[in-house]
Amino acid sequence: MDQLLSCTDCPRLAGFLADVRSRQPEYHARPVLSFGDSHARLLVVGLAPGMHGANRTGRPFTGDYAGILLYETLHAFAFGSQPVSLAADDALRLKDCRITNAVKCLPPANKPEPSEIKTCNRYLAEELRASPEVRVILALGLVAHKAVLMALGLKQSALAFAHAARHELPDGRILVDSYHCSRYNTQTRRLTSADFQRVFQIIRHELDAS
């Protein structure tokens, strides 16, 4: 944990965060740790912290637009104690679920470079190695999907990303894909609440059957 919080292995990201801290000293503006149940069977993998969301609050998807649909849905499927996530010290608790990101630091324009995704992947790989309880991995978007494959040592061409796709992994776990719950995807209706709930129906079925 301490190693991740102090990580500066990506010069562009480290420099950007230093600049954000100087302009917004009240912001977390550091690598963002995973949040949730340490023994969860569901691991949700997002892209990266948002400028005024996780980068501000220090908790994944907390305080930004993308977290609205995610936490509403987690609550609806009994993974969250409340349907909103406003601050890292609020009353929200996750049950049987943990949330992380493919890239732990805020990237400029919300677009990490391929080298940054690769450099940060060791943290996701370690989290998966250290989490034998995880049975289902939810990848929010193509970048998260590819990051999961990389972390598991699989070829990028091994499994094709598609919304609501279910993939059986070599280690017996299940990878489920979803479009990212970003403002762009929800406002353009590429991802609706019903679409997202369909993904969680797949997840709940997998966990309830195990």
C-alpha atoms as a PDB file:
ATOM      1  CA  MET A   1       0.000   0.000   0.000  1.00  0.00           C
ATOM      2  CA  ASP A   2       2.722   2.458   0.960  1.00  0.00           C
ATOM      3  CA  GLN A   3       4.643   1.514  -2.182  1.00  0.00           C
ATOM      4  CA  LEU A   4       1.649   2.299  -4.380  1.00  0.00           C
ATOM      5  CA  LEU A   5       0.852   5.595  -2.664  1.00  0.00           C
ATOM      6  CA  SER A   6       4.394   6.803  -3.230  1.00  0.00           C
ATOM      7  CA  CYS A   7       4.753   5.403  -6.757  1.00  0.00           C
ATOM      8  CA  THR A   8       6.213   7.815  -9.331  1.00  0.00           C
ATOM      9  CA  ASP A   9       7.183   5.255 -11.974  1.00  0.00           C
ATOM     10  CA  CYS A  10       5.278   7.055 -14.751  1.00  0.00           C
ATOM     11  CA  PRO A  11       6.981  10.461 -15.143  1.00  0.00           C
ATOM     12  CA  ARG A  12       4.114  12.060 -17.078  1.00  0.00           C
ATOM     13  CA  LEU A  13       1.525  11.009 -14.498  1.00  0.00           C
ATOM     14  CA  ALA A  14       3.725  11.882 -11.522  1.00  0.00           C
ATOM     15  CA  GLY A  15       4.384  15.341 -12.943  1.00  0.00           C
ATOM     16  CA  PHE A  16       0.716  15.888 -13.689  1.00  0.00           C
ATOM     17  CA  LEU A  17      -0.302  14.912 -10.161  1.00  0.00           C
ATOM     18  CA  ALA A  18       2.330  17.210  -8.667  1.00  0.00           C
ATOM     19  CA  ASP A  19       0.871  20.054 -10.691  1.00  0.00           C
ATOM     20  CA  VAL A  20      -2.668  19.185  -9.568  1.00  0.00           C
ATOM     21  CA  ARG A  21      -1.559  19.120  -5.914  1.00  0.00           C
ATOM     22  CA  SER A  22      -0.031  22.572  -6.273  1.00  0.00           C
ATOM     23  CA  ARG A  23      -3.242  23.953  -7.775  1.00  0.00           C
ATOM     24  CA  GLN A  24      -5.674  21.916  -5.658  1.00  0.00           C
ATOM     25  CA  PRO A  25      -3.942  21.212  -2.326  1.00  0.00           C
ATOM     26  CA  GLU A  26      -7.174  19.851  -0.866  1.00  0.00           C
ATOM     27  CA  TYR A  27      -7.294  17.077  -3.491  1.00  0.00           C
ATOM     28  CA  HIS A  28      -5.954  13.570  -2.862  1.00  0.00           C
ATOM     29  CA  ALA A  29      -3.959  13.820  -6.137  1.00  0.00           C
ATOM     30  CA  ARG A  30      -1.997  10.625  -5.577  1.00  0.00           C
ATOM     31  CA  PRO A  31      -2.378   6.995  -6.642  1.00  0.00           C
ATOM     32  CA  VAL A  32      -5.829   5.757  -5.625  1.00  0.00           C
ATOM     33  CA  LEU A  33      -6.043   2.498  -3.687  1.00  0.00           C
ATOM     34  CA  SER A  34      -8.714  -0.152  -4.103  1.00  0.00           C
ATOM     35  CA  PHE A  35     -11.907   0.228  -2.103  1.00  0.00           C
ATOM     36  CA  GLY A  36     -14.200  -2.410  -0.661  1.00  0.00           C
ATOM     37  CA  ASP A  37     -14.304  -5.863   0.866  1.00  0.00           C
ATOM     38  CA  SER A  38     -10.807  -7.364   1.159  1.00  0.00           C
ATOM     39  CA  HIS A  39     -12.298 -10.851   0.742  1.00  0.00           C
ATOM     40  CA  ALA A  40     -14.709  -9.956  -2.052  1.00  0.00           C
ATOM     41  CA  ARG A  41     -15.725 -12.418  -4.731  1.00  0.00           C
ATOM     42  CA  LEU A  42     -16.370  -9.576  -7.203  1.00  0.00           C
ATOM     43  CA  LEU A  43     -13.582  -7.281  -8.367  1.00  0.00           C
ATOM     44  CA  VAL A  44     -14.642  -4.270 -10.462  1.00  0.00           C
ATOM     45  CA  VAL A  45     -11.859  -2.841 -12.638  1.00  0.00           C
ATOM     46  CA  GLY A  46     -12.260   0.687 -13.995  1.00  0.00           C
ATOM     47  CA  LEU A  47      -9.994   2.787 -16.190  1.00  0.00           C
ATOM     48  CA  ALA A  48      -8.357   5.437 -13.987  1.00  0.00           C
ATOM     49  CA  PRO A  49      -9.276   8.050 -11.363  1.00  0.00           C
ATOM     50  CA  GLY A  50     -11.288  11.032 -12.582  1.00  0.00           C
ATOM     51  CA  MET A  51     -10.020  14.557 -11.963  1.00  0.00           C
ATOM     52  CA  HIS A  52     -12.832  15.659  -9.656  1.00  0.00           C
ATOM     53  CA  GLY A  53     -13.866  12.178  -8.548  1.00  0.00           C
ATOM     54  CA  ALA A  54     -11.386   9.645  -7.187  1.00  0.00           C
ATOM     55  CA  ASN A  55      -8.464  12.015  -7.737  1.00  0.00           C
ATOM     56  CA  ARG A  56     -10.203  14.486  -5.429  1.00  0.00           C
ATOM     57  CA  THR A  57     -11.686  12.116  -2.845  1.00  0.00           C
ATOM     58  CA  GLY A  58      -9.116   9.324  -2.840  1.00  0.00           C
ATOM     59  CA  ARG A  59     -11.711   6.585  -3.402  1.00  0.00           C
ATOM     60  CA  PRO A  60     -12.539   4.913  -6.751  1.00  0.00           C
ATOM     61  CA  PHE A  61     -15.579   6.364  -8.553  1.00  0.00           C
ATOM     62  CA  THR A  62     -16.440   8.534  -5.550  1.00  0.00           C
ATOM     63  CA  GLY A  63     -17.684  12.046  -6.178  1.00  0.00           C
ATOM     64  CA  ASP A  64     -17.764  11.895  -9.971  1.00  0.00           C
ATOM     65  CA  TYR A  65     -20.404  11.280 -12.618  1.00  0.00           C
ATOM     66  CA  ALA A  66     -19.249   7.775 -13.499  1.00  0.00           C
ATOM     67  CA  GLY A  67     -19.833   6.670  -9.925  1.00  0.00           C
ATOM     68  CA  ILE A  68     -23.521   7.563  -9.962  1.00  0.00           C
ATOM     69  CA  LEU A  69     -24.672   4.594 -12.041  1.00  0.00           C
ATOM     70  CA  LEU A  70     -22.028   2.262 -10.615  1.00  0.00           C
ATOM     71  CA  TYR A  71     -22.934   2.768  -6.966  1.00  0.00           C
ATOM     72  CA  GLU A  72     -26.675   2.830  -7.674  1.00  0.00           C
ATOM     73  CA  THR A  73     -26.337  -0.547  -9.347  1.00  0.00           C
ATOM     74  CA  LEU A  74     -24.056  -2.022  -6.709  1.00  0.00           C
ATOM     75  CA  HIS A  75     -26.645  -1.072  -4.098  1.00  0.00           C
ATOM     76  CA  ALA A  76     -29.496  -2.535  -6.169  1.00  0.00           C
ATOM     77  CA  PHE A  77     -27.674  -5.875  -6.343  1.00  0.00           C
ATOM     78  CA  ALA A  78     -26.785  -5.931  -2.624  1.00  0.00           C
ATOM     79  CA  PHE A  79     -23.098  -5.101  -3.067  1.00  0.00           C
ATOM     80  CA  GLY A  80     -23.325  -1.643  -1.464  1.00  0.00           C
ATOM     81  CA  SER A  81     -24.842  -0.351   1.773  1.00  0.00           C
ATOM     82  CA  GLN A  82     -26.152   2.814   0.102  1.00  0.00           C
ATOM     83  CA  PRO A  83     -26.755   3.982  -3.492  1.00  0.00           C
ATOM     84  CA  VAL A  84     -24.487   7.033  -3.444  1.00  0.00           C
ATOM     85  CA  SER A  85     -20.789   7.616  -2.858  1.00  0.00           C
ATOM     86  CA  LEU A  86     -19.930  11.233  -2.106  1.00  0.00           C
ATOM     87  CA  ALA A  87     -16.801  11.189   0.054  1.00  0.00           C
ATOM     88  CA  ALA A  88     -14.183   8.728   1.251  1.00  0.00           C
ATOM     89  CA  ASP A  89     -15.396   9.096   4.845  1.00  0.00           C
ATOM     90  CA  ASP A  90     -19.110   8.615   4.193  1.00  0.00           C
ATOM     91  CA  ALA A  91     -21.089   5.635   5.476  1.00  0.00           C
ATOM     92  CA  LEU A  92     -20.844   3.563   2.297  1.00  0.00           C
ATOM     93  CA  ARG A  93     -19.616   0.001   2.739  1.00  0.00           C
ATOM     94  CA  LEU A  94     -19.206  -2.602   0.024  1.00  0.00           C
ATOM     95  CA  LYS A  95     -20.126  -6.238   0.618  1.00  0.00           C
ATOM     96  CA  ASP A  96     -18.525  -9.021  -1.420  1.00  0.00           C
ATOM     97  CA  CYS A  97     -17.206  -6.401  -3.856  1.00  0.00           C
ATOM     98  CA  ARG A  98     -14.024  -4.399  -4.311  1.00  0.00           C
ATOM     99  CA  ILE A  99     -13.279  -1.654  -6.844  1.00  0.00           C
ATOM    100  CA  THR A 100      -9.939  -0.819  -8.401  1.00  0.00           C
ATOM    101  CA  ASN A 101      -8.581   0.755 -11.599  1.00  0.00           C
ATOM    102  CA  ALA A 102      -6.321  -0.369 -14.418  1.00  0.00           C
ATOM    103  CA  VAL A 103      -4.281   2.810 -13.866  1.00  0.00           C
ATOM    104  CA  LYS A 104      -4.053   4.102 -10.314  1.00  0.00           C
ATOM    105  CA  CYS A 105      -3.174   7.737 -11.124  1.00  0.00           C
ATOM    106  CA  LEU A 106      -5.141  10.475 -12.838  1.00  0.00           C
ATOM    107  CA  PRO A 107      -4.012  10.741 -16.494  1.00  0.00           C
ATOM    108  CA  PRO A 108      -4.193  13.997 -18.468  1.00  0.00           C
ATOM    109  CA  ALA A 109      -7.472  14.167 -20.433  1.00  0.00           C
ATOM    110  CA  ASN A 110      -8.452  10.836 -18.831  1.00  0.00           C
ATOM    111  CA  LYS A 111      -6.260   9.020 -21.364  1.00  0.00           C
ATOM    112  CA  PRO A 112      -3.396   6.926 -20.018  1.00  0.00           C
ATOM    113  CA  GLU A 113      -0.689   6.028 -22.499  1.00  0.00           C
ATOM    114  CA  PRO A 114      -0.035   2.350 -23.313  1.00  0.00           C
ATOM    115  CA  SER A 115       3.297   2.441 -21.481  1.00  0.00           C
ATOM    116  CA  GLU A 116       1.564   3.771 -18.347  1.00  0.00           C
ATOM    117  CA  ILE A 117      -1.060   1.032 -18.462  1.00  0.00           C
ATOM    118  CA  LYS A 118       1.728  -1.540 -18.771  1.00  0.00           C
ATOM    119  CA  THR A 119       3.815  -0.014 -15.967  1.00  0.00           C
ATOM    120  CA  CYS A 120       0.855   0.119 -13.574  1.00  0.00           C
ATOM    121  CA  ASN A 121      -0.337  -3.379 -14.452  1.00  0.00           C
ATOM    122  CA  ARG A 122       1.847  -5.002 -11.817  1.00  0.00           C
ATOM    123  CA  TYR A 123      -0.434  -3.629  -9.113  1.00  0.00           C
ATOM    124  CA  LEU A 124      -3.508  -5.222 -10.693  1.00  0.00           C
ATOM    125  CA  ALA A 125      -1.590  -8.461 -11.208  1.00  0.00           C
ATOM    126  CA  GLU A 126      -0.565  -8.500  -7.563  1.00  0.00           C
ATOM    127  CA  GLU A 127      -4.108  -7.767  -6.410  1.00  0.00           C
ATOM    128  CA  LEU A 128      -5.406 -10.705  -8.418  1.00  0.00           C
ATOM    129  CA  ARG A 129      -2.660 -12.998  -7.122  1.00  0.00           C
ATOM    130  CA  ALA A 130      -3.407 -11.954  -3.558  1.00  0.00           C
ATOM    131  CA  SER A 131      -7.183 -12.380  -3.939  1.00  0.00           C
ATOM    132  CA  PRO A 132      -8.023 -16.078  -4.337  1.00  0.00           C
ATOM    133  CA  GLU A 133     -11.571 -15.308  -3.200  1.00  0.00           C
ATOM    134  CA  VAL A 134     -12.295 -13.306  -6.360  1.00  0.00           C
ATOM    135  CA  ARG A 135     -14.572 -15.379  -8.597  1.00  0.00           C
ATOM    136  CA  VAL A 136     -15.830 -12.694 -11.012  1.00  0.00           C
ATOM    137  CA  ILE A 137     -13.934  -9.769 -12.518  1.00  0.00           C
ATOM    138  CA  LEU A 138     -15.967  -6.966 -14.065  1.00  0.00           C
ATOM    139  CA  ALA A 139     -14.031  -4.946 -16.646  1.00  0.00           C
ATOM    140  CA  LEU A 140     -15.492  -1.502 -17.272  1.00  0.00           C
ATOM    141  CA  GLY A 141     -14.400  -0.739 -20.818  1.00  0.00           C
ATOM    142  CA  LEU A 142     -11.817  -2.028 -23.265  1.00  0.00           C
ATOM    143  CA  VAL A 143      -8.783  -0.651 -21.403  1.00  0.00           C
ATOM    144  CA  ALA A 144      -9.808  -2.460 -18.213  1.00  0.00           C
ATOM    145  CA  HIS A 145     -10.530  -5.637 -20.196  1.00  0.00           C
ATOM    146  CA  LYS A 146      -7.053  -5.589 -21.734  1.00  0.00           C
ATOM    147  CA  ALA A 147      -5.454  -4.744 -18.389  1.00  0.00           C
ATOM    148  CA  VAL A 148      -7.046  -7.810 -16.803  1.00  0.00           C
ATOM    149  CA  LEU A 149      -5.746 -10.044 -19.609  1.00  0.00           C
ATOM    150  CA  MET A 150      -2.270  -8.529 -19.203  1.00  0.00           C
ATOM    151  CA  ALA A 151      -2.341  -9.012 -15.433  1.00  0.00           C
ATOM    152  CA  LEU A 152      -3.218 -12.679 -15.902  1.00  0.00           C
ATOM    153  CA  GLY A 153      -0.527 -13.225 -18.511  1.00  0.00           C
ATOM    154  CA  LEU A 154      -3.008 -13.824 -21.339  1.00  0.00           C
ATOM    155  CA  LYS A 155      -2.662 -12.693 -24.939  1.00  0.00           C
ATOM    156  CA  GLN A 156      -4.574  -9.522 -25.786  1.00  0.00           C
ATOM    157  CA  SER A 157      -6.278 -11.440 -28.599  1.00  0.00           C
ATOM    158  CA  ALA A 158      -7.358 -14.259 -26.309  1.00  0.00           C
ATOM    159  CA  LEU A 159     -10.772 -12.810 -25.417  1.00  0.00           C
ATOM    160  CA  ALA A 160     -12.706 -10.188 -27.366  1.00  0.00           C
ATOM    161  CA  PHE A 161     -14.322  -7.305 -25.491  1.00  0.00           C
ATOM    162  CA  ALA A 162     -18.088  -6.948 -25.864  1.00  0.00           C
ATOM    163  CA  HIS A 163     -20.733  -5.482 -23.616  1.00  0.00           C
ATOM    164  CA  ALA A 164     -22.245  -8.115 -21.311  1.00  0.00           C
ATOM    165  CA  ALA A 165     -19.788 -10.744 -22.576  1.00  0.00           C
ATOM    166  CA  ARG A 166     -18.923 -13.575 -20.205  1.00  0.00           C
ATOM    167  CA  HIS A 167     -15.496 -15.162 -20.491  1.00  0.00           C
ATOM    168  CA  GLU A 168     -14.192 -18.230 -18.684  1.00  0.00           C
ATOM    169  CA  LEU A 169     -10.582 -17.637 -17.640  1.00  0.00           C
ATOM    170  CA  PRO A 170      -7.911 -20.354 -17.453  1.00  0.00           C
ATOM    171  CA  ASP A 171      -7.782 -20.091 -13.658  1.00  0.00           C
ATOM    172  CA  GLY A 172     -11.514 -20.820 -13.370  1.00  0.00           C
ATOM    173  CA  ARG A 173     -12.615 -17.258 -12.719  1.00  0.00           C
ATOM    174  CA  ILE A 174     -15.105 -15.409 -14.869  1.00  0.00           C
ATOM    175  CA  LEU A 175     -14.431 -12.139 -16.680  1.00  0.00           C
ATOM    176  CA  VAL A 176     -17.509 -10.062 -17.474  1.00  0.00           C
ATOM    177  CA  ASP A 177     -17.305  -7.016 -19.744  1.00  0.00           C
ATOM    178  CA  SER A 178     -19.330  -3.820 -19.703  1.00  0.00           C
ATOM    179  CA  TYR A 179     -19.154  -0.483 -21.389  1.00  0.00           C
ATOM    180  CA  HIS A 180     -17.697   2.012 -18.930  1.00  0.00           C
ATOM    181  CA  CYS A 181     -20.292   3.928 -16.900  1.00  0.00           C
ATOM    182  CA  SER A 182     -18.828   7.254 -18.034  1.00  0.00           C
ATOM    183  CA  ARG A 183     -20.822  10.411 -18.625  1.00  0.00           C
ATOM    184  CA  TYR A 184     -20.304  10.067 -22.384  1.00  0.00           C
ATOM    185  CA  ASN A 185     -21.606   6.489 -22.517  1.00  0.00           C
ATOM    186  CA  THR A 186     -24.638   7.130 -20.333  1.00  0.00           C
ATOM    187  CA  GLN A 187     -25.633  10.426 -21.906  1.00  0.00           C
ATOM    188  CA  THR A 188     -25.362   9.019 -25.434  1.00  0.00           C
ATOM    189  CA  ARG A 189     -27.369   5.984 -24.274  1.00  0.00           C
ATOM    190  CA  ARG A 190     -24.617   3.646 -25.307  1.00  0.00           C
ATOM    191  CA  LEU A 191     -24.968   2.366 -21.758  1.00  0.00           C
ATOM    192  CA  THR A 192     -28.383   2.559 -20.129  1.00  0.00           C
ATOM    193  CA  SER A 193     -29.330   1.614 -16.594  1.00  0.00           C
ATOM    194  CA  ALA A 194     -31.057  -1.479 -17.989  1.00  0.00           C
ATOM    195  CA  ASP A 195     -27.916  -2.428 -19.919  1.00  0.00           C
ATOM    196  CA  PHE A 196     -25.812  -2.122 -16.783  1.00  0.00           C
ATOM    197  CA  GLN A 197     -28.284  -4.096 -14.716  1.00  0.00           C
ATOM    198  CA  ARG A 198     -28.132  -6.889 -17.290  1.00  0.00           C
ATOM    199  CA  VAL A 199     -24.383  -7.117 -16.642  1.00  0.00           C
ATOM    200  CA  PHE A 200     -24.957  -7.357 -12.901  1.00  0.00           C
ATOM    201  CA  GLN A 201     -27.611 -10.011 -13.410  1.00  0.00           C
ATOM    202  CA  ILE A 202     -24.904 -12.115 -15.058  1.00  0.00           C
ATOM    203  CA  ILE A 203     -22.553 -11.401 -12.158  1.00  0.00           C
ATOM    204  CA  ARG A 204     -25.123 -12.179  -9.475  1.00  0.00           C
ATOM    205  CA  HIS A 205     -26.033 -15.432 -11.223  1.00  0.00           C
ATOM    206  CA  GLU A 206     -22.371 -16.487 -11.259  1.00  0.00           C
ATOM    207  CA  LEU A 207     -21.833 -15.689  -7.597  1.00  0.00           C
ATOM    208  CA  ASP A 208     -25.097 -17.186  -6.394  1.00  0.00           C
ATOM    209  CA  ALA A 209     -24.344 -20.401  -8.276  1.00  0.00           C
ATOM    210  CA  SER A 210     -20.851 -20.781  -6.834  1.00  0.00           C
END
